Amino acid sequence: MYVYTYLWIYILEISAFILGLAAVKRSSPLSYHVLVWLALATALVMTSSIVIIHYYHRNHWLYNLWYPVECYCLLLVFYRLAAHAVVRRINRILLWLLPAAIIITFGVQPDLFTFNAYGAICYLFLELISAFVFLTDGLLMGEDHAVFKEPLSWMAAGLIMHCFISILAFGMWIFMLKWPPKYYGVAMVLANTFYFAGMQLTFIHLRKMNRPVAVKSIL
């Protein structure tokens, strides 16, 4: 079960990275460049975790270090592309709350080699708030403005679903350890499918926006 789960997630990550390379130009906003390399970094972290768990049987320390980095990157992406000052201010507050969350959650669970469910849930809540606020930012544009006109809105929508599913899974971590592995595998497949499908749709729409419009000559 885990083999197919990791394979599917790996395909999603690499596909998002390839689409990002094709869609993001040098002149594109920094947030889109961060997303491209975030997709690659996530794939490398997952590959490293598989190698580590094969040889050392414990890879929780890697994710305990990676999750706050991933959270910072996502918060930064939504902060930099927010249109309204209030939305930017909220995302700035979330960025300032992240170091406090890291200190508090590692204080509650200081063992680096044990999965820090408190930290994972806290980072997911910060990402959930940031993504939700970003979608609200699209609604503030006006009645004639479509929410998904902004390419990053697809990423925000996918991230919201990812966070909901992951929070439920990590919140029941102690109980899920007693369940058959397939239940955790299904939760991770669903969460990551929403996450990277949203990222892929963001890159697809960005590529459409960057595509030069053909001008018909007037005879």
N, C-alpha and C. Protein backbone atom coordinates (compact mmCIF):
# COMPACT_ATOMS: atom_id res chain seq x y z
N MET A 1 0.83 -1.21 0.00
CA MET A 1 0.00 0.00 0.00
C MET A 1 0.87 1.26 0.00
N TYR A 2 1.91 1.27 0.86
CA TYR A 2 2.75 2.45 0.95
C TYR A 2 3.52 2.69 -0.34
N VAL A 3 3.88 1.62 -1.04
CA VAL A 3 4.62 1.77 -2.31
C VAL A 3 3.79 2.55 -3.31
N TYR A 4 2.53 2.18 -3.47
CA TYR A 4 1.65 2.87 -4.42
C TYR A 4 1.35 4.29 -3.95
N THR A 5 1.23 4.47 -2.65
CA THR A 5 0.98 5.81 -2.10
C THR A 5 2.14 6.74 -2.42
N TYR A 6 3.36 6.31 -2.11
CA TYR A 6 4.55 7.13 -2.38
C TYR A 6 4.72 7.37 -3.88
N LEU A 7 4.45 6.36 -4.70
CA LEU A 7 4.61 6.49 -6.14
C LEU A 7 3.66 7.53 -6.70
N TRP A 8 2.40 7.49 -6.26
CA TRP A 8 1.39 8.44 -6.74
C TRP A 8 1.75 9.87 -6.33
N ILE A 9 2.14 10.04 -5.07
CA ILE A 9 2.49 11.37 -4.58
C ILE A 9 3.74 11.88 -5.31
N TYR A 10 4.68 10.99 -5.56
CA TYR A 10 5.91 11.38 -6.26
C TYR A 10 5.58 11.84 -7.68
N ILE A 11 4.67 11.15 -8.36
CA ILE A 11 4.25 11.56 -9.71
C ILE A 11 3.61 12.95 -9.68
N LEU A 12 2.78 13.20 -8.66
CA LEU A 12 2.14 14.51 -8.52
C LEU A 12 3.19 15.60 -8.33
N GLU A 13 4.17 15.34 -7.48
CA GLU A 13 5.20 16.35 -7.19
C GLU A 13 6.05 16.66 -8.42
N ILE A 14 6.50 15.63 -9.10
CA ILE A 14 7.35 15.84 -10.28
C ILE A 14 6.55 16.50 -11.41
N SER A 15 5.28 16.11 -11.56
CA SER A 15 4.43 16.73 -12.59
C SER A 15 4.26 18.22 -12.31
N ALA A 16 4.04 18.56 -11.03
CA ALA A 16 3.90 19.97 -10.66
C ALA A 16 5.19 20.73 -10.95
N PHE A 17 6.33 20.11 -10.66
CA PHE A 17 7.61 20.77 -10.92
C PHE A 17 7.83 21.01 -12.41
N ILE A 18 7.52 20.02 -13.24
CA ILE A 18 7.69 20.15 -14.69
C ILE A 18 6.76 21.22 -15.25
N LEU A 19 5.50 21.22 -14.80
CA LEU A 19 4.55 22.25 -15.25
C LEU A 19 5.02 23.63 -14.81
N GLY A 20 5.60 23.70 -13.61
CA GLY A 20 6.10 24.98 -13.11
C GLY A 20 7.25 25.51 -13.96
N LEU A 21 8.16 24.62 -14.33
CA LEU A 21 9.27 25.04 -15.17
C LEU A 21 8.78 25.57 -16.52
N ALA A 22 7.71 24.96 -17.04
CA ALA A 22 7.17 25.38 -18.34
C ALA A 22 6.38 26.68 -18.23
N ALA A 23 5.80 26.95 -17.06
CA ALA A 23 4.89 28.09 -16.93
C ALA A 23 5.56 29.34 -16.38
N VAL A 24 6.49 29.17 -15.46
CA VAL A 24 7.08 30.32 -14.76
C VAL A 24 8.26 30.86 -15.55
N LYS A 25 8.16 32.14 -15.89
CA LYS A 25 9.24 32.80 -16.61
C LYS A 25 10.14 33.53 -15.64
N ARG A 26 11.25 33.99 -16.15
CA ARG A 26 12.19 34.71 -15.30
C ARG A 26 11.56 35.98 -14.75
N SER A 27 10.65 36.59 -15.51
CA SER A 27 10.02 37.83 -15.09
C SER A 27 8.79 37.61 -14.20
N SER A 28 8.43 36.36 -13.96
CA SER A 28 7.26 36.06 -13.13
C SER A 28 7.53 36.47 -11.68
N PRO A 29 6.45 36.76 -10.92
CA PRO A 29 6.62 37.11 -9.50
C PRO A 29 7.38 36.02 -8.73
N LEU A 30 8.09 36.44 -7.70
CA LEU A 30 8.90 35.53 -6.91
C LEU A 30 8.08 34.37 -6.34
N SER A 31 6.83 34.62 -5.99
CA SER A 31 5.99 33.58 -5.39
C SER A 31 5.88 32.35 -6.27
N TYR A 32 5.77 32.55 -7.57
CA TYR A 32 5.65 31.40 -8.48
C TYR A 32 6.97 30.64 -8.58
N HIS A 33 8.09 31.35 -8.51
CA HIS A 33 9.39 30.67 -8.50
C HIS A 33 9.53 29.83 -7.23
N VAL A 34 9.06 30.37 -6.11
CA VAL A 34 9.11 29.62 -4.85
C VAL A 34 8.29 28.34 -4.95
N LEU A 35 7.11 28.43 -5.60
CA LEU A 35 6.26 27.25 -5.75
C LEU A 35 6.93 26.16 -6.58
N VAL A 36 7.60 26.58 -7.64
CA VAL A 36 8.28 25.60 -8.51
C VAL A 36 9.31 24.81 -7.71
N TRP A 37 10.15 25.51 -6.99
CA TRP A 37 11.22 24.84 -6.25
C TRP A 37 10.69 24.15 -5.00
N LEU A 38 9.54 24.60 -4.51
CA LEU A 38 8.90 23.90 -3.40
C LEU A 38 8.44 22.52 -3.82
N ALA A 39 7.91 22.42 -5.05
CA ALA A 39 7.49 21.11 -5.58
C ALA A 39 8.68 20.16 -5.67
N LEU A 40 9.82 20.66 -6.18
CA LEU A 40 11.01 19.82 -6.30
C LEU A 40 11.54 19.45 -4.93
N ALA A 41 11.59 20.42 -4.02
CA ALA A 41 12.10 20.16 -2.67
C ALA A 41 11.24 19.11 -1.96
N THR A 42 9.93 19.17 -2.15
CA THR A 42 9.03 18.20 -1.52
C THR A 42 9.32 16.80 -2.05
N ALA A 43 9.57 16.69 -3.35
CA ALA A 43 9.89 15.39 -3.93
C ALA A 43 11.22 14.87 -3.39
N LEU A 44 12.20 15.75 -3.24
CA LEU A 44 13.50 15.34 -2.71
C LEU A 44 13.40 14.91 -1.25
N VAL A 45 12.57 15.63 -0.48
CA VAL A 45 12.38 15.27 0.93
C VAL A 45 11.72 13.90 1.04
N MET A 46 10.71 13.66 0.20
CA MET A 46 10.04 12.36 0.25
C MET A 46 10.98 11.24 -0.16
N THR A 47 11.80 11.49 -1.19
CA THR A 47 12.78 10.48 -1.61
C THR A 47 13.77 10.19 -0.49
N SER A 48 14.25 11.25 0.16
CA SER A 48 15.18 11.08 1.27
C SER A 48 14.55 10.31 2.42
N SER A 49 13.26 10.60 2.68
CA SER A 49 12.58 9.92 3.78
C SER A 49 12.46 8.42 3.52
N ILE A 50 12.22 8.06 2.25
CA ILE A 50 12.12 6.63 1.90
C ILE A 50 13.46 5.93 2.11
N VAL A 51 14.55 6.59 1.69
CA VAL A 51 15.88 6.01 1.87
C VAL A 51 16.21 5.88 3.36
N ILE A 52 15.89 6.93 4.13
CA ILE A 52 16.20 6.92 5.56
C ILE A 52 15.43 5.83 6.29
N ILE A 53 14.13 5.72 5.98
CA ILE A 53 13.32 4.72 6.68
C ILE A 53 13.73 3.30 6.29
N HIS A 54 14.27 3.14 5.08
CA HIS A 54 14.72 1.81 4.64
C HIS A 54 15.95 1.36 5.43
N TYR A 55 16.88 2.31 5.67
CA TYR A 55 18.13 1.94 6.32
C TYR A 55 18.09 2.14 7.85
N TYR A 56 17.32 3.16 8.29
CA TYR A 56 17.36 3.48 9.73
C TYR A 56 16.00 3.30 10.42
N HIS A 57 14.95 3.06 9.63
CA HIS A 57 13.61 2.75 10.14
C HIS A 57 12.90 3.91 10.85
N ARG A 58 13.52 5.07 10.89
CA ARG A 58 12.87 6.23 11.50
C ARG A 58 13.21 7.47 10.69
N ASN A 59 12.19 8.12 10.17
CA ASN A 59 12.42 9.33 9.37
C ASN A 59 11.63 10.52 9.89
N HIS A 60 11.10 10.42 11.11
CA HIS A 60 10.27 11.50 11.64
C HIS A 60 11.04 12.81 11.79
N TRP A 61 12.34 12.71 12.11
CA TRP A 61 13.13 13.93 12.30
C TRP A 61 13.17 14.77 11.03
N LEU A 62 13.18 14.11 9.88
CA LEU A 62 13.25 14.84 8.61
C LEU A 62 11.99 15.68 8.41
N TYR A 63 10.83 15.10 8.67
CA TYR A 63 9.57 15.84 8.51
C TYR A 63 9.39 16.89 9.61
N ASN A 64 9.92 16.61 10.80
CA ASN A 64 9.86 17.62 11.87
C ASN A 64 10.62 18.88 11.48
N LEU A 65 11.68 18.71 10.68
CA LEU A 65 12.45 19.86 10.20
C LEU A 65 11.85 20.46 8.93
N TRP A 66 11.25 19.63 8.08
CA TRP A 66 10.75 20.09 6.79
C TRP A 66 9.43 20.85 6.90
N TYR A 67 8.51 20.40 7.75
CA TYR A 67 7.18 21.01 7.80
C TYR A 67 7.20 22.51 8.09
N PRO A 68 8.01 23.00 9.05
CA PRO A 68 8.03 24.47 9.24
C PRO A 68 8.62 25.22 8.05
N VAL A 69 9.59 24.61 7.35
CA VAL A 69 10.15 25.25 6.15
C VAL A 69 9.09 25.35 5.06
N GLU A 70 8.35 24.25 4.85
CA GLU A 70 7.28 24.25 3.87
C GLU A 70 6.21 25.28 4.21
N CYS A 71 5.86 25.35 5.50
CA CYS A 71 4.85 26.31 5.96
C CYS A 71 5.30 27.74 5.68
N TYR A 72 6.56 28.04 5.98
CA TYR A 72 7.08 29.39 5.73
C TYR A 72 7.00 29.75 4.25
N CYS A 73 7.36 28.82 3.38
CA CYS A 73 7.33 29.08 1.94
C CYS A 73 5.91 29.37 1.47
N LEU A 74 4.93 28.60 1.94
CA LEU A 74 3.55 28.80 1.52
C LEU A 74 2.99 30.12 2.04
N LEU A 75 3.29 30.44 3.29
CA LEU A 75 2.83 31.72 3.85
C LEU A 75 3.45 32.89 3.09
N LEU A 76 4.72 32.75 2.73
CA LEU A 76 5.40 33.81 1.98
C LEU A 76 4.78 33.99 0.60
N VAL A 77 4.42 32.89 -0.05
CA VAL A 77 3.81 32.94 -1.39
C VAL A 77 2.50 33.72 -1.33
N PHE A 78 1.63 33.38 -0.39
CA PHE A 78 0.33 34.05 -0.30
C PHE A 78 0.48 35.50 0.17
N TYR A 79 1.47 35.75 1.00
CA TYR A 79 1.70 37.12 1.47
C TYR A 79 2.11 38.04 0.33
N ARG A 80 3.02 37.59 -0.50
CA ARG A 80 3.56 38.45 -1.54
C ARG A 80 2.57 38.70 -2.68
N LEU A 81 1.62 37.78 -2.90
CA LEU A 81 0.67 37.95 -4.00
C LEU A 81 -0.69 38.48 -3.54
N ALA A 82 -0.84 38.76 -2.25
CA ALA A 82 -2.10 39.33 -1.76
C ALA A 82 -2.27 40.75 -2.30
N ALA A 83 -3.49 41.08 -2.68
CA ALA A 83 -3.75 42.38 -3.30
C ALA A 83 -4.10 43.45 -2.27
N HIS A 84 -4.89 43.10 -1.28
CA HIS A 84 -5.37 44.09 -0.32
C HIS A 84 -4.45 44.18 0.90
N ALA A 85 -4.37 45.37 1.46
CA ALA A 85 -3.48 45.61 2.60
C ALA A 85 -3.87 44.78 3.81
N VAL A 86 -5.18 44.61 4.04
CA VAL A 86 -5.64 43.84 5.21
C VAL A 86 -5.20 42.39 5.08
N VAL A 87 -5.35 41.85 3.89
CA VAL A 87 -4.97 40.45 3.66
C VAL A 87 -3.46 40.28 3.81
N ARG A 88 -2.70 41.23 3.31
CA ARG A 88 -1.25 41.17 3.48
C ARG A 88 -0.87 41.27 4.95
N ARG A 89 -1.60 42.09 5.70
CA ARG A 89 -1.31 42.25 7.12
C ARG A 89 -1.58 40.95 7.87
N ILE A 90 -2.67 40.27 7.52
CA ILE A 90 -2.99 39.00 8.18
C ILE A 90 -1.91 37.97 7.89
N ASN A 91 -1.48 37.91 6.64
CA ASN A 91 -0.42 36.96 6.28
C ASN A 91 0.91 37.32 6.94
N ARG A 92 1.15 38.61 7.13
CA ARG A 92 2.37 39.02 7.83
C ARG A 92 2.32 38.56 9.28
N ILE A 93 1.14 38.66 9.90
CA ILE A 93 0.98 38.19 11.27
C ILE A 93 1.22 36.68 11.36
N LEU A 94 0.71 35.95 10.37
CA LEU A 94 0.91 34.50 10.34
C LEU A 94 2.39 34.16 10.22
N LEU A 95 3.11 34.95 9.42
CA LEU A 95 4.56 34.73 9.29
C LEU A 95 5.27 34.97 10.61
N TRP A 96 4.81 35.98 11.37
CA TRP A 96 5.41 36.24 12.67
C TRP A 96 5.02 35.18 13.70
N LEU A 97 3.85 34.57 13.52
CA LEU A 97 3.40 33.53 14.45
C LEU A 97 4.14 32.21 14.24
N LEU A 98 4.67 32.01 13.04
CA LEU A 98 5.33 30.75 12.73
C LEU A 98 6.52 30.45 13.67
N PRO A 99 7.45 31.40 13.90
CA PRO A 99 8.55 31.10 14.84
C PRO A 99 8.04 30.75 16.24
N ALA A 100 6.99 31.46 16.69
CA ALA A 100 6.42 31.15 18.00
C ALA A 100 5.84 29.75 18.03
N ALA A 101 5.19 29.35 16.92
CA ALA A 101 4.62 28.01 16.83
C ALA A 101 5.72 26.95 16.88
N ILE A 102 6.83 27.22 16.21
CA ILE A 102 7.95 26.28 16.20
C ILE A 102 8.50 26.09 17.61
N ILE A 103 8.71 27.20 18.31
CA ILE A 103 9.28 27.14 19.67
C ILE A 103 8.33 26.42 20.63
N ILE A 104 7.05 26.75 20.56
CA ILE A 104 6.07 26.17 21.49
C ILE A 104 5.90 24.68 21.24
N THR A 105 5.71 24.30 19.97
CA THR A 105 5.45 22.89 19.67
C THR A 105 6.67 22.00 19.94
N PHE A 106 7.87 22.55 19.69
CA PHE A 106 9.07 21.78 20.02
C PHE A 106 9.32 21.75 21.52
N GLY A 107 8.78 22.76 22.23
CA GLY A 107 8.85 22.73 23.68
C GLY A 107 7.95 21.66 24.26
N VAL A 108 6.76 21.48 23.64
CA VAL A 108 5.83 20.45 24.08
C VAL A 108 6.35 19.06 23.72
N GLN A 109 6.93 18.94 22.51
CA GLN A 109 7.46 17.66 22.04
C GLN A 109 8.91 17.87 21.59
N PRO A 110 9.86 17.86 22.54
CA PRO A 110 11.25 18.20 22.21
C PRO A 110 12.03 17.10 21.51
N ASP A 111 11.50 15.89 21.47
CA ASP A 111 12.23 14.79 20.85
C ASP A 111 12.15 14.91 19.33
N LEU A 112 13.28 15.23 18.71
CA LEU A 112 13.31 15.43 17.26
C LEU A 112 13.01 14.15 16.50
N PHE A 113 13.28 13.00 17.10
CA PHE A 113 13.14 11.73 16.41
C PHE A 113 11.77 11.09 16.62
N THR A 114 10.86 11.82 17.28
CA THR A 114 9.46 11.39 17.41
C THR A 114 8.59 12.37 16.64
N PHE A 115 7.63 11.84 15.88
CA PHE A 115 6.80 12.71 15.05
C PHE A 115 6.09 13.74 15.91
N ASN A 116 6.27 15.01 15.55
CA ASN A 116 5.67 16.12 16.30
C ASN A 116 4.32 16.46 15.70
N ALA A 117 3.29 15.75 16.14
CA ALA A 117 1.94 15.97 15.61
C ALA A 117 1.43 17.36 15.97
N TYR A 118 1.84 17.87 17.15
CA TYR A 118 1.42 19.22 17.56
C TYR A 118 1.93 20.25 16.55
N GLY A 119 3.20 20.12 16.18
CA GLY A 119 3.77 21.06 15.22
C GLY A 119 3.12 20.93 13.86
N ALA A 120 2.92 19.70 13.38
CA ALA A 120 2.32 19.48 12.07
C ALA A 120 0.93 20.11 11.99
N ILE A 121 0.13 19.90 13.03
CA ILE A 121 -1.23 20.46 13.04
C ILE A 121 -1.19 21.98 13.09
N CYS A 122 -0.28 22.52 13.88
CA CYS A 122 -0.16 23.98 14.00
C CYS A 122 0.23 24.61 12.67
N TYR A 123 1.20 24.03 11.97
CA TYR A 123 1.61 24.56 10.68
C TYR A 123 0.46 24.48 9.66
N LEU A 124 -0.28 23.38 9.73
CA LEU A 124 -1.41 23.21 8.82
C LEU A 124 -2.48 24.25 9.07
N PHE A 125 -2.72 24.59 10.33
CA PHE A 125 -3.71 25.63 10.65
C PHE A 125 -3.26 26.99 10.10
N LEU A 126 -1.98 27.29 10.21
CA LEU A 126 -1.47 28.55 9.66
C LEU A 126 -1.64 28.58 8.14
N GLU A 127 -1.34 27.48 7.48
CA GLU A 127 -1.51 27.39 6.02
C GLU A 127 -2.98 27.49 5.64
N LEU A 128 -3.84 26.85 6.43
CA LEU A 128 -5.28 26.89 6.15
C LEU A 128 -5.81 28.32 6.22
N ILE A 129 -5.44 29.03 7.26
CA ILE A 129 -5.89 30.42 7.42
C ILE A 129 -5.37 31.28 6.27
N SER A 130 -4.09 31.11 5.93
CA SER A 130 -3.48 31.91 4.86
C SER A 130 -4.17 31.66 3.52
N ALA A 131 -4.43 30.38 3.20
CA ALA A 131 -5.07 30.04 1.93
C ALA A 131 -6.51 30.56 1.89
N PHE A 132 -7.23 30.42 3.00
CA PHE A 132 -8.61 30.89 3.05
C PHE A 132 -8.68 32.41 2.90
N VAL A 133 -7.77 33.11 3.56
CA VAL A 133 -7.73 34.57 3.47
C VAL A 133 -7.40 35.00 2.05
N PHE A 134 -6.51 34.25 1.38
CA PHE A 134 -6.16 34.59 0.00
C PHE A 134 -7.37 34.46 -0.92
N LEU A 135 -8.18 33.42 -0.74
CA LEU A 135 -9.40 33.28 -1.54
C LEU A 135 -10.37 34.42 -1.25
N THR A 136 -10.45 34.83 0.01
CA THR A 136 -11.29 35.98 0.38
C THR A 136 -10.79 37.24 -0.31
N ASP A 137 -9.49 37.34 -0.45
CA ASP A 137 -8.88 38.47 -1.15
C ASP A 137 -9.41 38.57 -2.58
N GLY A 138 -9.61 37.41 -3.23
CA GLY A 138 -10.17 37.40 -4.58
C GLY A 138 -11.60 37.90 -4.62
N LEU A 139 -12.37 37.60 -3.57
CA LEU A 139 -13.75 38.08 -3.51
C LEU A 139 -13.82 39.58 -3.31
N LEU A 140 -12.81 40.15 -2.67
CA LEU A 140 -12.80 41.60 -2.41
C LEU A 140 -12.51 42.42 -3.65
N MET A 141 -12.10 41.75 -4.73
CA MET A 141 -11.78 42.47 -5.96
C MET A 141 -13.00 43.16 -6.57
N GLY A 142 -14.18 42.63 -6.29
CA GLY A 142 -15.39 43.19 -6.89
C GLY A 142 -16.30 42.12 -7.45
N GLU A 143 -17.55 42.49 -7.71
CA GLU A 143 -18.52 41.52 -8.20
C GLU A 143 -18.18 40.98 -9.58
N ASP A 144 -17.50 41.79 -10.39
CA ASP A 144 -17.18 41.36 -11.75
C ASP A 144 -15.86 40.61 -11.83
N HIS A 145 -15.26 40.33 -10.69
CA HIS A 145 -13.95 39.66 -10.68
C HIS A 145 -14.15 38.22 -10.25
N ALA A 146 -13.74 37.29 -11.09
CA ALA A 146 -13.84 35.86 -10.76
C ALA A 146 -12.76 35.50 -9.75
N VAL A 147 -13.13 34.69 -8.75
CA VAL A 147 -12.20 34.30 -7.70
C VAL A 147 -10.98 33.59 -8.28
N PHE A 148 -11.21 32.72 -9.27
CA PHE A 148 -10.14 31.91 -9.81
C PHE A 148 -9.48 32.56 -11.03
N LYS A 149 -9.68 33.87 -11.19
CA LYS A 149 -8.96 34.58 -12.23
C LYS A 149 -7.48 34.67 -11.88
N GLU A 150 -7.19 34.76 -10.60
CA GLU A 150 -5.82 34.74 -10.12
C GLU A 150 -5.35 33.28 -10.07
N PRO A 151 -4.27 32.94 -10.80
CA PRO A 151 -3.83 31.52 -10.86
C PRO A 151 -3.59 30.90 -9.49
N LEU A 152 -3.07 31.69 -8.54
CA LEU A 152 -2.73 31.13 -7.23
C LEU A 152 -3.98 30.71 -6.45
N SER A 153 -5.16 31.17 -6.87
CA SER A 153 -6.39 30.78 -6.18
C SER A 153 -6.61 29.27 -6.26
N TRP A 154 -6.18 28.63 -7.35
CA TRP A 154 -6.30 27.18 -7.47
C TRP A 154 -5.42 26.49 -6.44
N MET A 155 -4.23 27.03 -6.22
CA MET A 155 -3.34 26.49 -5.21
C MET A 155 -3.96 26.66 -3.82
N ALA A 156 -4.58 27.81 -3.58
CA ALA A 156 -5.20 28.06 -2.29
C ALA A 156 -6.35 27.09 -2.02
N ALA A 157 -7.17 26.85 -3.05
CA ALA A 157 -8.31 25.93 -2.89
C ALA A 157 -7.83 24.51 -2.61
N GLY A 158 -6.82 24.07 -3.36
CA GLY A 158 -6.27 22.73 -3.14
C GLY A 158 -5.62 22.60 -1.77
N LEU A 159 -4.95 23.67 -1.32
CA LEU A 159 -4.28 23.64 -0.02
C LEU A 159 -5.29 23.58 1.12
N ILE A 160 -6.43 24.25 0.95
CA ILE A 160 -7.47 24.21 1.98
C ILE A 160 -7.95 22.77 2.18
N MET A 161 -8.22 22.06 1.10
CA MET A 161 -8.66 20.67 1.21
C MET A 161 -7.55 19.80 1.80
N HIS A 162 -6.32 20.05 1.38
CA HIS A 162 -5.17 19.31 1.92
C HIS A 162 -5.06 19.49 3.42
N CYS A 163 -5.23 20.72 3.88
CA CYS A 163 -5.11 21.01 5.31
C CYS A 163 -6.23 20.35 6.11
N PHE A 164 -7.45 20.41 5.60
CA PHE A 164 -8.58 19.78 6.30
C PHE A 164 -8.32 18.29 6.52
N ILE A 165 -7.94 17.61 5.45
CA ILE A 165 -7.73 16.16 5.54
C ILE A 165 -6.53 15.83 6.42
N SER A 166 -5.44 16.58 6.27
CA SER A 166 -4.23 16.31 7.04
C SER A 166 -4.43 16.60 8.52
N ILE A 167 -5.17 17.66 8.84
CA ILE A 167 -5.44 17.98 10.25
C ILE A 167 -6.24 16.86 10.91
N LEU A 168 -7.21 16.33 10.19
CA LEU A 168 -7.98 15.22 10.73
C LEU A 168 -7.08 13.99 10.94
N ALA A 169 -6.20 13.72 9.96
CA ALA A 169 -5.33 12.55 10.05
C ALA A 169 -4.33 12.69 11.20
N PHE A 170 -3.67 13.85 11.28
CA PHE A 170 -2.67 14.05 12.33
C PHE A 170 -3.33 14.20 13.70
N GLY A 171 -4.55 14.77 13.72
CA GLY A 171 -5.26 14.91 14.97
C GLY A 171 -5.63 13.57 15.58
N MET A 172 -5.80 12.57 14.72
CA MET A 172 -6.12 11.21 15.19
C MET A 172 -4.90 10.30 15.06
N TRP A 173 -3.69 10.90 15.14
CA TRP A 173 -2.45 10.15 14.90
C TRP A 173 -2.32 8.93 15.81
N ILE A 174 -2.60 9.11 17.09
CA ILE A 174 -2.45 8.00 18.05
C ILE A 174 -3.39 6.87 17.70
N PHE A 175 -4.62 7.23 17.28
CA PHE A 175 -5.60 6.20 16.95
C PHE A 175 -5.28 5.55 15.61
N MET A 176 -4.76 6.35 14.66
CA MET A 176 -4.48 5.82 13.33
C MET A 176 -3.32 4.84 13.35
N LEU A 177 -2.44 4.96 14.34
CA LEU A 177 -1.34 4.01 14.46
C LEU A 177 -1.85 2.60 14.75
N LYS A 178 -3.07 2.53 15.32
CA LYS A 178 -3.65 1.23 15.65
C LYS A 178 -4.53 0.70 14.51
N TRP A 179 -4.80 1.54 13.52
CA TRP A 179 -5.63 1.14 12.39
C TRP A 179 -4.78 0.48 11.32
N PRO A 180 -5.41 -0.21 10.36
CA PRO A 180 -4.66 -0.74 9.22
C PRO A 180 -3.99 0.40 8.44
N PRO A 181 -2.76 0.20 7.93
CA PRO A 181 -2.02 1.26 7.25
C PRO A 181 -2.78 1.88 6.07
N LYS A 182 -3.72 1.10 5.47
CA LYS A 182 -4.39 1.61 4.27
C LYS A 182 -5.19 2.88 4.56
N TYR A 183 -5.70 3.04 5.79
CA TYR A 183 -6.49 4.22 6.11
C TYR A 183 -5.62 5.48 6.09
N TYR A 184 -4.46 5.39 6.67
CA TYR A 184 -3.53 6.52 6.63
C TYR A 184 -3.07 6.79 5.20
N GLY A 185 -2.83 5.72 4.43
CA GLY A 185 -2.41 5.87 3.05
C GLY A 185 -3.46 6.58 2.20
N VAL A 186 -4.72 6.21 2.39
CA VAL A 186 -5.81 6.85 1.64
C VAL A 186 -5.90 8.34 2.00
N ALA A 187 -5.77 8.66 3.28
CA ALA A 187 -5.83 10.06 3.71
C ALA A 187 -4.72 10.88 3.08
N MET A 188 -3.50 10.32 3.05
CA MET A 188 -2.37 11.03 2.48
C MET A 188 -2.50 11.19 0.95
N VAL A 189 -3.04 10.17 0.30
CA VAL A 189 -3.26 10.26 -1.15
C VAL A 189 -4.25 11.38 -1.46
N LEU A 190 -5.35 11.43 -0.73
CA LEU A 190 -6.36 12.47 -0.97
C LEU A 190 -5.80 13.85 -0.68
N ALA A 191 -5.12 14.00 0.46
CA ALA A 191 -4.58 15.30 0.84
C ALA A 191 -3.57 15.81 -0.18
N ASN A 192 -2.65 14.95 -0.60
CA ASN A 192 -1.62 15.39 -1.53
C ASN A 192 -2.15 15.56 -2.95
N THR A 193 -3.19 14.82 -3.30
CA THR A 193 -3.80 15.00 -4.62
C THR A 193 -4.41 16.39 -4.73
N PHE A 194 -5.14 16.82 -3.69
CA PHE A 194 -5.69 18.18 -3.69
C PHE A 194 -4.58 19.22 -3.72
N TYR A 195 -3.55 18.99 -2.92
CA TYR A 195 -2.43 19.94 -2.81
C TYR A 195 -1.74 20.15 -4.15
N PHE A 196 -1.28 19.07 -4.75
CA PHE A 196 -0.49 19.21 -5.97
C PHE A 196 -1.35 19.41 -7.21
N ALA A 197 -2.62 18.96 -7.17
CA ALA A 197 -3.52 19.28 -8.28
C ALA A 197 -3.78 20.78 -8.31
N GLY A 198 -3.94 21.38 -7.13
CA GLY A 198 -4.10 22.84 -7.07
C GLY A 198 -2.87 23.56 -7.58
N MET A 199 -1.69 23.04 -7.22
CA MET A 199 -0.45 23.64 -7.70
C MET A 199 -0.32 23.50 -9.22
N GLN A 200 -0.68 22.34 -9.74
CA GLN A 200 -0.61 22.12 -11.18
C GLN A 200 -1.57 23.04 -11.93
N LEU A 201 -2.79 23.18 -11.42
CA LEU A 201 -3.76 24.08 -12.06
C LEU A 201 -3.28 25.53 -12.03
N THR A 202 -2.60 25.89 -10.97
CA THR A 202 -2.03 27.24 -10.89
C THR A 202 -1.01 27.46 -12.01
N PHE A 203 -0.13 26.49 -12.21
CA PHE A 203 0.87 26.62 -13.27
C PHE A 203 0.24 26.59 -14.66
N ILE A 204 -0.80 25.76 -14.83
CA ILE A 204 -1.49 25.69 -16.13
C ILE A 204 -2.13 27.02 -16.48
N HIS A 205 -2.82 27.63 -15.51
CA HIS A 205 -3.47 28.92 -15.76
C HIS A 205 -2.44 30.04 -15.92
N LEU A 206 -1.34 29.94 -15.20
CA LEU A 206 -0.29 30.94 -15.36
C LEU A 206 0.32 30.86 -16.75
N ARG A 207 0.49 29.66 -17.26
CA ARG A 207 1.03 29.48 -18.62
C ARG A 207 0.08 30.06 -19.66
N LYS A 208 -1.23 29.88 -19.45
CA LYS A 208 -2.21 30.45 -20.37
C LYS A 208 -2.14 31.96 -20.37
N MET A 209 -1.95 32.54 -19.18
CA MET A 209 -1.87 33.99 -19.07
C MET A 209 -0.60 34.53 -19.74
N ASN A 210 0.49 33.76 -19.66
CA ASN A 210 1.76 34.21 -20.24
C ASN A 210 1.88 33.93 -21.73
N ARG A 211 0.92 33.13 -22.25
CA ARG A 211 0.99 32.77 -23.66
C ARG A 211 0.69 34.02 -24.51
N PRO A 212 1.53 34.34 -25.47
CA PRO A 212 1.29 35.52 -26.30
C PRO A 212 0.04 35.37 -27.14
N VAL A 213 -0.74 36.43 -27.20
CA VAL A 213 -1.98 36.41 -27.97
C VAL A 213 -1.69 36.71 -29.43
N ALA A 214 -2.17 35.84 -30.29
CA ALA A 214 -1.93 36.03 -31.72
C ALA A 214 -2.74 37.20 -32.24
N VAL A 215 -2.08 38.08 -32.97
CA VAL A 215 -2.74 39.27 -33.52
C VAL A 215 -3.00 39.03 -35.01
N LYS A 216 -4.26 39.10 -35.36
CA LYS A 216 -4.65 38.88 -36.75
C LYS A 216 -4.35 40.13 -37.58
N SER A 217 -3.70 39.93 -38.68
CA SER A 217 -3.40 41.06 -39.56
C SER A 217 -4.65 41.49 -40.31
N ILE A 218 -4.78 42.80 -40.48
CA ILE A 218 -5.94 43.37 -41.18
C ILE A 218 -5.57 43.56 -42.64
N LEU A 219 -6.31 42.90 -43.51
CA LEU A 219 -6.01 42.96 -44.94
C LEU A 219 -6.74 44.15 -45.56
